Amino acid sequence: MTPNTVVSREEWIKARKAHLEKERALMHQRDALYAERRALPWEKVEKDYVFQSSAGPKSLADLFDGRSQLFVYHFMLTPGSDHLCPGCSFLSDHIDGARQHFEHADLSFAAISRAPLARIEDVKKRMGWRFEWVSSGGTSFNYDYGVSFTPEQIAAAEPLYNYGITADLGDDIHGSSIFAMGDDGQIYHTYSTYARGDEMLAGAFAFLDMTPKGRNEEGETMRWVKLHDEYEDTPMEAGACCATAA
């Protein structure tokens, strides 16, 4: 790796403190944005969705599992397709570790896909995931929340994904939706995010973003990301980069 400009300790501290002021300003902006997000209006969920789970049929209310908030990850798993999205899988590798904490803060989690339950169960077993993952096959849930599109919509190339920003549609695309349950049992949709809005869930990015290479994408987004059981056993052994350079 070729180093950046190399300076004295005093110069380094001066540059770092100047950057810290920008980091602090961005953090305060982010806090204000998050507060504004929490204050957004809600919409009632009027439909009675029924999903297929390993424990039998479940309603949207069932997925709350006794809590008042529900995080839904719209995992790209299309019926009839053998494709397993590396991006959705990369993000999903973070979920079980996080949910053992946020479940104690009144938040439940469920992934939802249109694929049949048998396909979902096969993927869960392969990847070693334990979180709730149900099938919305036969319902309009994915279409209602902007992550699945009809052949007619795809052919028309209408900008429908991500609140009308993206026209490059697929059968299924990723996203996240948040739901809340009122004291009377009424369910509300409070927030959804798509595209890069999901990347905040991938903690590995936070580690990479602090490094000189950043996400090391070299012009192609997430170019190095694979399913976690498809990485080479020793992708970068100690000293391998130096041996290659020599």
C-alpha atoms as a PDB file:
ATOM      1  CA  MET A   1       0.000   0.000   0.000  1.00  0.00           C
ATOM      2  CA  THR A   2       1.384   3.399  -0.950  1.00  0.00           C
ATOM      3  CA  PRO A   3       1.223   5.787   2.039  1.00  0.00           C
ATOM      4  CA  ASN A   4      -0.437   9.184   1.990  1.00  0.00           C
ATOM      5  CA  THR A   5       1.636  12.244   2.810  1.00  0.00           C
ATOM      6  CA  VAL A   6       3.776  11.410   5.852  1.00  0.00           C
ATOM      7  CA  VAL A   7       4.107  14.173   8.462  1.00  0.00           C
ATOM      8  CA  SER A   8       5.339  14.756  12.001  1.00  0.00           C
ATOM      9  CA  ARG A   9       3.241  13.827  15.045  1.00  0.00           C
ATOM     10  CA  GLU A  10       2.394  17.496  15.608  1.00  0.00           C
ATOM     11  CA  GLU A  11       1.195  17.968  12.029  1.00  0.00           C
ATOM     12  CA  TRP A  12      -0.749  14.708  12.212  1.00  0.00           C
ATOM     13  CA  ILE A  13      -2.589  15.822  15.378  1.00  0.00           C
ATOM     14  CA  LYS A  14      -3.408  19.197  13.790  1.00  0.00           C
ATOM     15  CA  ALA A  15      -4.901  17.547  10.694  1.00  0.00           C
ATOM     16  CA  ARG A  16      -6.783  14.989  12.792  1.00  0.00           C
ATOM     17  CA  LYS A  17      -8.328  17.656  15.052  1.00  0.00           C
ATOM     18  CA  ALA A  18      -9.498  19.658  12.049  1.00  0.00           C
ATOM     19  CA  HIS A  19     -11.173  16.543  10.669  1.00  0.00           C
ATOM     20  CA  LEU A  20     -12.680  15.796  14.095  1.00  0.00           C
ATOM     21  CA  GLU A  21     -14.603  19.072  13.980  1.00  0.00           C
ATOM     22  CA  LYS A  22     -16.219  17.956  10.713  1.00  0.00           C
ATOM     23  CA  GLU A  23     -16.995  14.538  12.187  1.00  0.00           C
ATOM     24  CA  ARG A  24     -18.659  16.161  15.204  1.00  0.00           C
ATOM     25  CA  ALA A  25     -20.735  18.471  12.988  1.00  0.00           C
ATOM     26  CA  LEU A  26     -21.899  15.514  10.909  1.00  0.00           C
ATOM     27  CA  MET A  27     -22.772  13.565  14.060  1.00  0.00           C
ATOM     28  CA  HIS A  28     -24.963  16.411  15.321  1.00  0.00           C
ATOM     29  CA  GLN A  29     -26.650  16.630  11.901  1.00  0.00           C
ATOM     30  CA  ARG A  30     -27.279  12.899  12.005  1.00  0.00           C
ATOM     31  CA  ASP A  31     -28.794  13.119  15.508  1.00  0.00           C
ATOM     32  CA  ALA A  32     -31.175  15.833  14.276  1.00  0.00           C
ATOM     33  CA  LEU A  33     -32.090  13.762  11.205  1.00  0.00           C
ATOM     34  CA  TYR A  34     -32.825  10.706  13.344  1.00  0.00           C
ATOM     35  CA  ALA A  35     -35.020  12.769  15.655  1.00  0.00           C
ATOM     36  CA  GLU A  36     -36.920  14.050  12.623  1.00  0.00           C
ATOM     37  CA  ARG A  37     -37.326  10.461  11.411  1.00  0.00           C
ATOM     38  CA  ARG A  38     -38.824   9.390  14.735  1.00  0.00           C
ATOM     39  CA  ALA A  39     -41.319  12.268  14.429  1.00  0.00           C
ATOM     40  CA  LEU A  40     -42.537  11.301  10.945  1.00  0.00           C
ATOM     41  CA  PRO A  41     -46.282  10.595  10.613  1.00  0.00           C
ATOM     42  CA  TRP A  42     -47.551   7.006  10.600  1.00  0.00           C
ATOM     43  CA  GLU A  43     -50.006   5.229   8.320  1.00  0.00           C
ATOM     44  CA  LYS A  44     -52.444   2.500   9.322  1.00  0.00           C
ATOM     45  CA  VAL A  45     -51.877  -1.001   7.987  1.00  0.00           C
ATOM     46  CA  GLU A  46     -55.308  -1.849   6.639  1.00  0.00           C
ATOM     47  CA  LYS A  47     -54.653  -5.321   5.168  1.00  0.00           C
ATOM     48  CA  ASP A  48     -54.568  -8.602   7.067  1.00  0.00           C
ATOM     49  CA  TYR A  49     -51.393 -10.232   5.765  1.00  0.00           C
ATOM     50  CA  VAL A  50     -50.800 -13.912   6.497  1.00  0.00           C
ATOM     51  CA  PHE A  51     -47.258 -15.263   6.097  1.00  0.00           C
ATOM     52  CA  GLN A  52     -45.958 -18.819   6.048  1.00  0.00           C
ATOM     53  CA  SER A  53     -43.454 -19.641   8.791  1.00  0.00           C
ATOM     54  CA  SER A  54     -41.774 -22.742  10.179  1.00  0.00           C
ATOM     55  CA  ALA A  55     -44.315 -22.578  13.013  1.00  0.00           C
ATOM     56  CA  GLY A  56     -47.311 -22.320  10.667  1.00  0.00           C
ATOM     57  CA  PRO A  57     -49.268 -19.324   9.353  1.00  0.00           C
ATOM     58  CA  LYS A  58     -48.469 -16.018  11.050  1.00  0.00           C
ATOM     59  CA  SER A  59     -50.076 -12.610  10.821  1.00  0.00           C
ATOM     60  CA  LEU A  60     -48.117  -9.370  10.779  1.00  0.00           C
ATOM     61  CA  ALA A  61     -49.157  -8.926  14.415  1.00  0.00           C
ATOM     62  CA  ASP A  62     -47.668 -12.320  15.267  1.00  0.00           C
ATOM     63  CA  LEU A  63     -44.278 -11.187  13.982  1.00  0.00           C
ATOM     64  CA  PHE A  64     -44.158  -8.525  16.711  1.00  0.00           C
ATOM     65  CA  ASP A  65     -43.683 -11.424  19.155  1.00  0.00           C
ATOM     66  CA  GLY A  66     -45.066  -9.464  22.102  1.00  0.00           C
ATOM     67  CA  ARG A  67     -43.100  -6.288  21.419  1.00  0.00           C
ATOM     68  CA  SER A  68     -44.449  -2.946  20.174  1.00  0.00           C
ATOM     69  CA  GLN A  69     -42.009  -2.441  17.284  1.00  0.00           C
ATOM     70  CA  LEU A  70     -41.118  -4.630  14.304  1.00  0.00           C
ATOM     71  CA  PHE A  71     -38.222  -4.330  11.874  1.00  0.00           C
ATOM     72  CA  VAL A  72     -38.857  -6.068   8.542  1.00  0.00           C
ATOM     73  CA  TYR A  73     -36.003  -6.724   6.155  1.00  0.00           C
ATOM     74  CA  HIS A  74     -37.208  -7.328   2.598  1.00  0.00           C
ATOM     75  CA  PHE A  75     -34.755 -10.043   1.548  1.00  0.00           C
ATOM     76  CA  MET A  76     -34.392 -10.519  -2.228  1.00  0.00           C
ATOM     77  CA  LEU A  77     -35.379 -14.165  -2.683  1.00  0.00           C
ATOM     78  CA  THR A  78     -37.477 -14.653  -5.797  1.00  0.00           C
ATOM     79  CA  PRO A  79     -39.780 -17.650  -6.333  1.00  0.00           C
ATOM     80  CA  GLY A  80     -38.359 -20.086  -8.890  1.00  0.00           C
ATOM     81  CA  SER A  81     -34.866 -18.575  -8.791  1.00  0.00           C
ATOM     82  CA  ASP A  82     -31.718 -20.246  -7.428  1.00  0.00           C
ATOM     83  CA  HIS A  83     -30.016 -16.878  -6.980  1.00  0.00           C
ATOM     84  CA  LEU A  84     -29.036 -15.949  -3.435  1.00  0.00           C
ATOM     85  CA  CYS A  85     -28.267 -12.246  -3.230  1.00  0.00           C
ATOM     86  CA  PRO A  86     -24.741 -11.652  -1.819  1.00  0.00           C
ATOM     87  CA  GLY A  87     -25.720  -8.154  -0.650  1.00  0.00           C
ATOM     88  CA  CYS A  88     -28.781  -9.307   1.292  1.00  0.00           C
ATOM     89  CA  SER A  89     -26.741 -12.184   2.710  1.00  0.00           C
ATOM     90  CA  PHE A  90     -23.904  -9.839   3.728  1.00  0.00           C
ATOM     91  CA  LEU A  91     -26.377  -7.663   5.609  1.00  0.00           C
ATOM     92  CA  SER A  92     -28.143 -10.676   7.130  1.00  0.00           C
ATOM     93  CA  ASP A  93     -24.884 -11.938   8.621  1.00  0.00           C
ATOM     94  CA  HIS A  94     -25.126  -8.972  11.018  1.00  0.00           C
ATOM     95  CA  ILE A  95     -28.670  -9.601  12.260  1.00  0.00           C
ATOM     96  CA  ASP A  96     -28.429 -12.362  14.850  1.00  0.00           C
ATOM     97  CA  GLY A  97     -25.636 -10.606  16.729  1.00  0.00           C
ATOM     98  CA  ALA A  98     -27.546  -7.333  16.807  1.00  0.00           C
ATOM     99  CA  ARG A  99     -30.976  -8.690  17.640  1.00  0.00           C
ATOM    100  CA  GLN A 100     -29.826 -10.360  20.860  1.00  0.00           C
ATOM    101  CA  HIS A 101     -29.528  -6.767  22.051  1.00  0.00           C
ATOM    102  CA  PHE A 102     -32.285  -4.806  20.309  1.00  0.00           C
ATOM    103  CA  GLU A 103     -34.921  -7.372  21.266  1.00  0.00           C
ATOM    104  CA  HIS A 104     -34.359  -6.103  24.825  1.00  0.00           C
ATOM    105  CA  ALA A 105     -35.154  -2.589  23.577  1.00  0.00           C
ATOM    106  CA  ASP A 106     -38.692  -3.499  22.439  1.00  0.00           C
ATOM    107  CA  LEU A 107     -37.855  -4.321  18.807  1.00  0.00           C
ATOM    108  CA  SER A 108     -38.594  -7.583  17.024  1.00  0.00           C
ATOM    109  CA  PHE A 109     -37.159  -8.616  13.659  1.00  0.00           C
ATOM    110  CA  ALA A 110     -38.382 -10.630  10.696  1.00  0.00           C
ATOM    111  CA  ALA A 111     -37.071 -11.086   7.182  1.00  0.00           C
ATOM    112  CA  ILE A 112     -39.791 -11.453   4.558  1.00  0.00           C
ATOM    113  CA  SER A 113     -39.434 -12.821   1.023  1.00  0.00           C
ATOM    114  CA  ARG A 114     -41.783 -14.036  -1.713  1.00  0.00           C
ATOM    115  CA  ALA A 115     -39.929 -17.352  -2.100  1.00  0.00           C
ATOM    116  CA  PRO A 116     -41.614 -20.514  -0.795  1.00  0.00           C
ATOM    117  CA  LEU A 117     -40.954 -21.407   2.826  1.00  0.00           C
ATOM    118  CA  ALA A 118     -38.985 -24.528   1.861  1.00  0.00           C
ATOM    119  CA  ARG A 119     -36.500 -22.394  -0.084  1.00  0.00           C
ATOM    120  CA  ILE A 120     -36.198 -19.967   2.831  1.00  0.00           C
ATOM    121  CA  GLU A 121     -35.552 -22.798   5.273  1.00  0.00           C
ATOM    122  CA  ASP A 122     -32.852 -24.258   3.011  1.00  0.00           C
ATOM    123  CA  VAL A 123     -31.065 -20.906   2.840  1.00  0.00           C
ATOM    124  CA  LYS A 124     -31.307 -20.388   6.612  1.00  0.00           C
ATOM    125  CA  LYS A 125     -29.815 -23.820   7.247  1.00  0.00           C
ATOM    126  CA  ARG A 126     -26.985 -23.258   4.778  1.00  0.00           C
ATOM    127  CA  MET A 127     -26.078 -19.822   6.144  1.00  0.00           C
ATOM    128  CA  GLY A 128     -26.599 -20.642   9.823  1.00  0.00           C
ATOM    129  CA  TRP A 129     -29.044 -17.812  10.486  1.00  0.00           C
ATOM    130  CA  ARG A 130     -31.517 -18.043  13.382  1.00  0.00           C
ATOM    131  CA  PHE A 131     -33.698 -14.962  12.891  1.00  0.00           C
ATOM    132  CA  GLU A 132     -37.382 -15.180  11.907  1.00  0.00           C
ATOM    133  CA  TRP A 133     -37.805 -15.397   8.138  1.00  0.00           C
ATOM    134  CA  VAL A 134     -41.224 -15.896   6.606  1.00  0.00           C
ATOM    135  CA  SER A 135     -42.715 -16.221   3.146  1.00  0.00           C
ATOM    136  CA  SER A 136     -45.089 -13.595   1.791  1.00  0.00           C
ATOM    137  CA  GLY A 137     -45.872 -15.736  -1.254  1.00  0.00           C
ATOM    138  CA  GLY A 138     -49.499 -15.398  -2.318  1.00  0.00           C
ATOM    139  CA  THR A 139     -49.894 -11.996  -0.643  1.00  0.00           C
ATOM    140  CA  SER A 140     -49.461  -8.442  -1.906  1.00  0.00           C
ATOM    141  CA  PHE A 141     -47.113  -7.523   0.941  1.00  0.00           C
ATOM    142  CA  ASN A 142     -43.937  -7.115  -1.153  1.00  0.00           C
ATOM    143  CA  TYR A 143     -45.782  -5.119  -3.800  1.00  0.00           C
ATOM    144  CA  ASP A 144     -47.481  -2.913  -1.224  1.00  0.00           C
ATOM    145  CA  TYR A 145     -44.165  -2.005   0.369  1.00  0.00           C
ATOM    146  CA  GLY A 146     -42.291  -1.286  -2.837  1.00  0.00           C
ATOM    147  CA  VAL A 147     -39.859  -4.193  -3.133  1.00  0.00           C
ATOM    148  CA  SER A 148     -41.515  -6.414  -5.760  1.00  0.00           C
ATOM    149  CA  PHE A 149     -42.723  -5.473  -9.211  1.00  0.00           C
ATOM    150  CA  THR A 150     -44.911  -7.044 -11.897  1.00  0.00           C
ATOM    151  CA  PRO A 151     -43.572  -8.003 -15.335  1.00  0.00           C
ATOM    152  CA  GLU A 152     -45.593  -5.120 -16.775  1.00  0.00           C
ATOM    153  CA  GLN A 153     -44.004  -2.618 -14.405  1.00  0.00           C
ATOM    154  CA  ILE A 154     -40.530  -3.923 -15.180  1.00  0.00           C
ATOM    155  CA  ALA A 155     -41.131  -3.788 -18.934  1.00  0.00           C
ATOM    156  CA  ALA A 156     -42.394  -0.207 -18.691  1.00  0.00           C
ATOM    157  CA  ALA A 157     -39.201   0.813 -16.843  1.00  0.00           C
ATOM    158  CA  GLU A 158     -41.187   3.159 -14.627  1.00  0.00           C
ATOM    159  CA  PRO A 159     -39.227   4.813 -11.799  1.00  0.00           C
ATOM    160  CA  LEU A 160     -41.049   3.038  -8.993  1.00  0.00           C
ATOM    161  CA  TYR A 161     -38.331   1.829  -6.597  1.00  0.00           C
ATOM    162  CA  ASN A 162     -37.069   3.996  -3.751  1.00  0.00           C
ATOM    163  CA  TYR A 163     -39.953   6.476  -3.885  1.00  0.00           C
ATOM    164  CA  GLY A 164     -39.817   6.981  -7.611  1.00  0.00           C
ATOM    165  CA  ILE A 165     -36.068   7.475  -7.942  1.00  0.00           C
ATOM    166  CA  THR A 166     -35.107   4.197  -9.642  1.00  0.00           C
ATOM    167  CA  ALA A 167     -36.424   2.787 -12.907  1.00  0.00           C
ATOM    168  CA  ASP A 168     -34.086  -0.233 -13.054  1.00  0.00           C
ATOM    169  CA  LEU A 169     -36.508  -2.728 -11.533  1.00  0.00           C
ATOM    170  CA  GLY A 170     -36.300  -6.435 -10.787  1.00  0.00           C
ATOM    171  CA  ASP A 171     -38.805  -9.020  -9.615  1.00  0.00           C
ATOM    172  CA  ASP A 172     -37.622  -8.462  -6.052  1.00  0.00           C
ATOM    173  CA  ILE A 173     -35.408  -5.740  -4.579  1.00  0.00           C
ATOM    174  CA  HIS A 174     -34.191  -5.171  -1.024  1.00  0.00           C
ATOM    175  CA  GLY A 175     -35.448  -2.699   1.538  1.00  0.00           C
ATOM    176  CA  SER A 176     -36.381  -2.275   5.192  1.00  0.00           C
ATOM    177  CA  SER A 177     -39.724  -1.357   6.738  1.00  0.00           C
ATOM    178  CA  ILE A 178     -40.600  -0.438  10.300  1.00  0.00           C
ATOM    179  CA  PHE A 179     -43.951  -1.109  11.942  1.00  0.00           C
ATOM    180  CA  ALA A 180     -45.374  -0.132  15.321  1.00  0.00           C
ATOM    181  CA  MET A 181     -48.294  -1.544  17.284  1.00  0.00           C
ATOM    182  CA  GLY A 182     -50.618   0.729  19.222  1.00  0.00           C
ATOM    183  CA  ASP A 183     -51.974  -0.138  22.637  1.00  0.00           C
ATOM    184  CA  ASP A 184     -55.221  -1.194  20.957  1.00  0.00           C
ATOM    185  CA  GLY A 185     -53.454  -3.641  18.642  1.00  0.00           C
ATOM    186  CA  GLN A 186     -53.648  -1.428  15.552  1.00  0.00           C
ATOM    187  CA  ILE A 187     -50.513  -1.773  13.398  1.00  0.00           C
ATOM    188  CA  TYR A 188     -48.889   1.232  11.744  1.00  0.00           C
ATOM    189  CA  HIS A 189     -46.246   1.590   9.069  1.00  0.00           C
ATOM    190  CA  THR A 190     -43.780   4.204  10.325  1.00  0.00           C
ATOM    191  CA  TYR A 191     -40.818   4.101   7.944  1.00  0.00           C
ATOM    192  CA  SER A 192     -39.289   2.349   4.931  1.00  0.00           C
ATOM    193  CA  THR A 193     -35.896   2.762   3.319  1.00  0.00           C
ATOM    194  CA  TYR A 194     -34.373   1.301   0.181  1.00  0.00           C
ATOM    195  CA  ALA A 195     -31.158   1.147  -1.849  1.00  0.00           C
ATOM    196  CA  ARG A 196     -28.269   2.688   0.127  1.00  0.00           C
ATOM    197  CA  GLY A 197     -30.613   3.334   3.044  1.00  0.00           C
ATOM    198  CA  ASP A 198     -30.014  -0.283   4.078  1.00  0.00           C
ATOM    199  CA  GLU A 199     -26.241  -0.036   4.269  1.00  0.00           C
ATOM    200  CA  MET A 200     -26.352   1.385   7.799  1.00  0.00           C
ATOM    201  CA  LEU A 201     -27.349  -2.135   8.908  1.00  0.00           C
ATOM    202  CA  ALA A 202     -24.073  -3.638   7.670  1.00  0.00           C
ATOM    203  CA  GLY A 203     -21.620  -3.079  10.499  1.00  0.00           C
ATOM    204  CA  ALA A 204     -18.661  -4.400   8.495  1.00  0.00           C
ATOM    205  CA  PHE A 205     -18.836  -1.195   6.450  1.00  0.00           C
ATOM    206  CA  ALA A 206     -18.264   0.859   9.605  1.00  0.00           C
ATOM    207  CA  PHE A 207     -14.956  -0.922  10.200  1.00  0.00           C
ATOM    208  CA  LEU A 208     -13.855  -0.514   6.585  1.00  0.00           C
ATOM    209  CA  ASP A 209     -14.885   3.144   6.441  1.00  0.00           C
ATOM    210  CA  MET A 210     -12.222   3.990   9.039  1.00  0.00           C
ATOM    211  CA  THR A 211      -9.382   2.508   6.981  1.00  0.00           C
ATOM    212  CA  PRO A 212      -7.197   3.971   4.209  1.00  0.00           C
ATOM    213  CA  LYS A 213      -8.751   1.721   1.564  1.00  0.00           C
ATOM    214  CA  GLY A 214     -12.296   2.366   2.780  1.00  0.00           C
ATOM    215  CA  ARG A 215     -14.668  -0.200   1.314  1.00  0.00           C
ATOM    216  CA  ASN A 216     -12.019  -1.279  -1.186  1.00  0.00           C
ATOM    217  CA  GLU A 217     -14.532  -1.420  -4.020  1.00  0.00           C
ATOM    218  CA  GLU A 218     -12.309  -0.140  -6.845  1.00  0.00           C
ATOM    219  CA  GLY A 219     -15.169   1.255  -8.901  1.00  0.00           C
ATOM    220  CA  GLU A 220     -17.561  -1.648  -8.373  1.00  0.00           C
ATOM    221  CA  THR A 221     -19.886  -1.565  -5.378  1.00  0.00           C
ATOM    222  CA  MET A 222     -19.216  -4.416  -2.937  1.00  0.00           C
ATOM    223  CA  ARG A 223     -17.066  -6.169  -5.545  1.00  0.00           C
ATOM    224  CA  TRP A 224     -15.396  -8.375  -2.926  1.00  0.00           C
ATOM    225  CA  VAL A 225     -18.565  -9.465  -1.108  1.00  0.00           C
ATOM    226  CA  LYS A 226     -19.470 -13.153  -1.354  1.00  0.00           C
ATOM    227  CA  LEU A 227     -21.716 -15.479   0.588  1.00  0.00           C
ATOM    228  CA  HIS A 228     -19.809 -16.139   3.781  1.00  0.00           C
ATOM    229  CA  ASP A 229     -19.360 -19.828   2.935  1.00  0.00           C
ATOM    230  CA  GLU A 230     -17.848 -18.981  -0.459  1.00  0.00           C
ATOM    231  CA  TYR A 231     -14.803 -17.006   0.679  1.00  0.00           C
ATOM    232  CA  GLU A 232     -11.437 -18.715   0.314  1.00  0.00           C
ATOM    233  CA  ASP A 233     -10.225 -20.290   3.566  1.00  0.00           C
ATOM    234  CA  THR A 234      -7.376 -17.777   3.895  1.00  0.00           C
ATOM    235  CA  PRO A 235      -8.281 -14.784   1.715  1.00  0.00           C
ATOM    236  CA  MET A 236      -5.361 -12.690   3.022  1.00  0.00           C
ATOM    237  CA  GLU A 237      -2.802 -14.481   5.127  1.00  0.00           C
ATOM    238  CA  ALA A 238      -0.362 -12.410   7.137  1.00  0.00           C
ATOM    239  CA  GLY A 239       2.316 -11.097   4.846  1.00  0.00           C
ATOM    240  CA  ALA A 240       0.571 -12.207   1.656  1.00  0.00           C
ATOM    241  CA  CYS A 241       0.397  -8.660   0.257  1.00  0.00           C
ATOM    242  CA  CYS A 242       4.102  -8.165   0.842  1.00  0.00           C
ATOM    243  CA  ALA A 243       4.965 -11.521  -0.742  1.00  0.00           C
ATOM    244  CA  THR A 244       2.901 -10.614  -3.795  1.00  0.00           C
ATOM    245  CA  ALA A 245       4.589  -7.258  -4.118  1.00  0.00           C
ATOM    246  CA  ALA A 246       8.025  -8.890  -3.912  1.00  0.00           C
END
